[in-house]
């Protein structure tokens, strides 16, 4: 089973980094979950080829992982669109950056 990806691993890393820098955790949390689902899918593919394993178990997990991954990628597309992220550079929009700066200024 092939995992379809709308975002590369590098793009997910960029979203996580932007979230960390600008204290906007929601897109970063979705990116972290996508990475975890990709790791689970890789693991299941490894288990499927082991002759001692019940293939049905690992196929069921891999199929569920494919569905979950597709749902979370669509969620990522939606939230990046809602928040106005630049899909080419994956930079957080200026408005969210300003909000972070205002929160920091209030805490000083």
C-alpha atoms as a PDB file:
ATOM      1  CA  UNK A   1       0.000   0.000   0.000  1.00  0.00           C
ATOM      2  CA  UNK A   2       1.373   3.373  -1.007  1.00  0.00           C
ATOM      3  CA  UNK A   3       0.900   6.371   1.243  1.00  0.00           C
ATOM      4  CA  UNK A   4      -0.205   9.404  -0.785  1.00  0.00           C
ATOM      5  CA  UNK A   5       1.347  12.673   0.430  1.00  0.00           C
ATOM      6  CA  UNK A   6       0.235  16.250  -0.138  1.00  0.00           C
ATOM      7  CA  UNK A   7       3.089  17.501   2.073  1.00  0.00           C
ATOM      8  CA  UNK A   8       6.692  16.353   1.995  1.00  0.00           C
ATOM      9  CA  UNK A   9       8.510  15.492   5.205  1.00  0.00           C
ATOM     10  CA  UNK A  10      10.505  18.708   4.736  1.00  0.00           C
ATOM     11  CA  UNK A  11       7.305  20.746   4.473  1.00  0.00           C
ATOM     12  CA  UNK A  12       5.998  19.204   7.687  1.00  0.00           C
ATOM     13  CA  UNK A  13       9.286  20.111   9.369  1.00  0.00           C
ATOM     14  CA  UNK A  14       8.921  23.692   8.106  1.00  0.00           C
ATOM     15  CA  UNK A  15       5.406  23.944   9.576  1.00  0.00           C
ATOM     16  CA  UNK A  16       6.614  22.570  12.912  1.00  0.00           C
ATOM     17  CA  UNK A  17       9.524  25.030  12.934  1.00  0.00           C
ATOM     18  CA  UNK A  18       7.269  27.991  12.111  1.00  0.00           C
ATOM     19  CA  UNK A  19       4.908  26.924  14.887  1.00  0.00           C
ATOM     20  CA  UNK A  20       7.757  26.734  17.381  1.00  0.00           C
ATOM     21  CA  UNK A  21       9.197  30.107  16.408  1.00  0.00           C
ATOM     22  CA  UNK A  22       5.882  31.937  16.348  1.00  0.00           C
ATOM     23  CA  UNK A  23       4.122  30.054  19.170  1.00  0.00           C
ATOM     24  CA  UNK A  24       1.313  28.752  16.955  1.00  0.00           C
ATOM     25  CA  UNK A  25       1.033  25.127  17.936  1.00  0.00           C
ATOM     26  CA  UNK A  26      -2.086  23.947  16.077  1.00  0.00           C
ATOM     27  CA  UNK A  27      -0.654  23.474  12.548  1.00  0.00           C
ATOM     28  CA  UNK A  28       2.525  22.092  14.118  1.00  0.00           C
ATOM     29  CA  UNK A  29       0.509  19.537  16.108  1.00  0.00           C
ATOM     30  CA  UNK A  30      -1.195  18.333  12.933  1.00  0.00           C
ATOM     31  CA  UNK A  31       2.228  18.077  11.248  1.00  0.00           C
ATOM     32  CA  UNK A  32       3.555  16.002  14.164  1.00  0.00           C
ATOM     33  CA  UNK A  33       0.590  13.632  13.859  1.00  0.00           C
ATOM     34  CA  UNK A  34       1.168  13.279  10.121  1.00  0.00           C
ATOM     35  CA  UNK A  35       4.780  12.355  10.778  1.00  0.00           C
ATOM     36  CA  UNK A  36       3.669   9.762  13.344  1.00  0.00           C
ATOM     37  CA  UNK A  37       1.182   8.252  10.898  1.00  0.00           C
ATOM     38  CA  UNK A  38       3.918   8.020   8.267  1.00  0.00           C
ATOM     39  CA  UNK A  39       6.163   6.201  10.719  1.00  0.00           C
ATOM     40  CA  UNK A  40       3.344   3.802  11.629  1.00  0.00           C
ATOM     41  CA  UNK A  41       2.742   3.108   7.937  1.00  0.00           C
ATOM     42  CA  UNK A  42       6.453   2.396   7.355  1.00  0.00           C
ATOM     43  CA  UNK A  43       6.463   0.062  10.346  1.00  0.00           C
ATOM     44  CA  UNK A  44       3.421  -1.848   9.084  1.00  0.00           C
ATOM     45  CA  UNK A  45       5.016  -2.294   5.673  1.00  0.00           C
ATOM     46  CA  UNK A  46       7.996  -3.884   7.419  1.00  0.00           C
ATOM     47  CA  UNK A  47       5.750  -6.189   9.441  1.00  0.00           C
ATOM     48  CA  UNK A  48       3.765  -7.268   6.375  1.00  0.00           C
ATOM     49  CA  UNK A  49       6.815  -8.926   4.808  1.00  0.00           C
ATOM     50  CA  UNK A  50       7.752 -10.954   7.900  1.00  0.00           C
ATOM     51  CA  UNK A  51       6.468 -14.487   7.218  1.00  0.00           C
ATOM     52  CA  UNK A  52       5.847 -15.083  10.942  1.00  0.00           C
ATOM     53  CA  UNK A  53       3.283 -12.269  11.145  1.00  0.00           C
ATOM     54  CA  UNK A  54      -0.413 -12.463  10.334  1.00  0.00           C
ATOM     55  CA  UNK A  55      -0.615 -10.345   7.174  1.00  0.00           C
ATOM     56  CA  UNK A  56      -4.265  -9.440   7.851  1.00  0.00           C
ATOM     57  CA  UNK A  57      -3.387  -7.632  11.069  1.00  0.00           C
ATOM     58  CA  UNK A  58      -0.788  -5.429   9.450  1.00  0.00           C
ATOM     59  CA  UNK A  59      -2.880  -4.777   6.369  1.00  0.00           C
ATOM     60  CA  UNK A  60      -5.757  -3.638   8.593  1.00  0.00           C
ATOM     61  CA  UNK A  61      -3.473  -1.257  10.477  1.00  0.00           C
ATOM     62  CA  UNK A  62      -1.880   0.026   7.260  1.00  0.00           C
ATOM     63  CA  UNK A  63      -5.291   0.630   5.653  1.00  0.00           C
ATOM     64  CA  UNK A  64      -6.536   2.523   8.711  1.00  0.00           C
ATOM     65  CA  UNK A  65      -3.321   4.531   8.714  1.00  0.00           C
ATOM     66  CA  UNK A  66      -3.826   5.472   5.058  1.00  0.00           C
ATOM     67  CA  UNK A  67      -7.325   6.740   5.829  1.00  0.00           C
ATOM     68  CA  UNK A  68      -6.236   8.654   8.926  1.00  0.00           C
ATOM     69  CA  UNK A  69      -3.319  10.203   7.046  1.00  0.00           C
ATOM     70  CA  UNK A  70      -5.584  11.383   4.221  1.00  0.00           C
ATOM     71  CA  UNK A  71      -8.006  12.957   6.722  1.00  0.00           C
ATOM     72  CA  UNK A  72      -5.201  14.743   8.591  1.00  0.00           C
ATOM     73  CA  UNK A  73      -3.610  16.022   5.371  1.00  0.00           C
ATOM     74  CA  UNK A  74      -6.951  17.478   4.328  1.00  0.00           C
ATOM     75  CA  UNK A  75      -7.190  19.047   7.775  1.00  0.00           C
ATOM     76  CA  UNK A  76      -3.732  20.584   7.262  1.00  0.00           C
ATOM     77  CA  UNK A  77      -4.750  22.013   3.891  1.00  0.00           C
ATOM     78  CA  UNK A  78      -7.858  23.479   5.472  1.00  0.00           C
ATOM     79  CA  UNK A  79      -6.180  25.070   8.495  1.00  0.00           C
ATOM     80  CA  UNK A  80      -3.336  26.536   6.441  1.00  0.00           C
ATOM     81  CA  UNK A  81      -5.955  28.052   4.151  1.00  0.00           C
ATOM     82  CA  UNK A  82      -8.052  29.376   7.047  1.00  0.00           C
ATOM     83  CA  UNK A  83      -5.024  30.962   8.714  1.00  0.00           C
ATOM     84  CA  UNK A  84      -3.664  32.314   5.435  1.00  0.00           C
ATOM     85  CA  UNK A  85      -0.309  30.532   5.330  1.00  0.00           C
ATOM     86  CA  UNK A  86       1.773  30.918   2.170  1.00  0.00           C
ATOM     87  CA  UNK A  87       1.555  27.429   0.636  1.00  0.00           C
ATOM     88  CA  UNK A  88       4.716  27.967  -1.410  1.00  0.00           C
ATOM     89  CA  UNK A  89       7.047  28.974   1.423  1.00  0.00           C
ATOM     90  CA  UNK A  90       4.973  27.608   4.318  1.00  0.00           C
ATOM     91  CA  UNK A  91       5.606  30.812   6.216  1.00  0.00           C
ATOM     92  CA  UNK A  92       3.129  31.786   8.869  1.00  0.00           C
ATOM     93  CA  UNK A  93       1.045  34.826   7.933  1.00  0.00           C
ATOM     94  CA  UNK A  94       2.142  38.205   9.247  1.00  0.00           C
ATOM     95  CA  UNK A  95      -1.045  38.629  11.300  1.00  0.00           C
ATOM     96  CA  UNK A  96      -0.251  35.572  13.410  1.00  0.00           C
ATOM     97  CA  UNK A  97       3.315  36.763  13.870  1.00  0.00           C
ATOM     98  CA  UNK A  98       2.067  40.148  15.052  1.00  0.00           C
ATOM     99  CA  UNK A  99      -0.294  38.494  17.515  1.00  0.00           C
ATOM    100  CA  UNK A 100       2.623  36.541  18.971  1.00  0.00           C
ATOM    101  CA  UNK A 101       4.649  39.742  19.334  1.00  0.00           C
ATOM    102  CA  UNK A 102       1.740  41.458  21.068  1.00  0.00           C
ATOM    103  CA  UNK A 103       1.396  38.596  23.545  1.00  0.00           C
ATOM    104  CA  UNK A 104       5.117  38.738  24.315  1.00  0.00           C
ATOM    105  CA  UNK A 105       4.959  42.532  24.782  1.00  0.00           C
ATOM    106  CA  UNK A 106       2.072  42.174  27.244  1.00  0.00           C
ATOM    107  CA  UNK A 107       4.054  39.689  29.329  1.00  0.00           C
ATOM    108  CA  UNK A 108       7.046  42.033  29.670  1.00  0.00           C
END
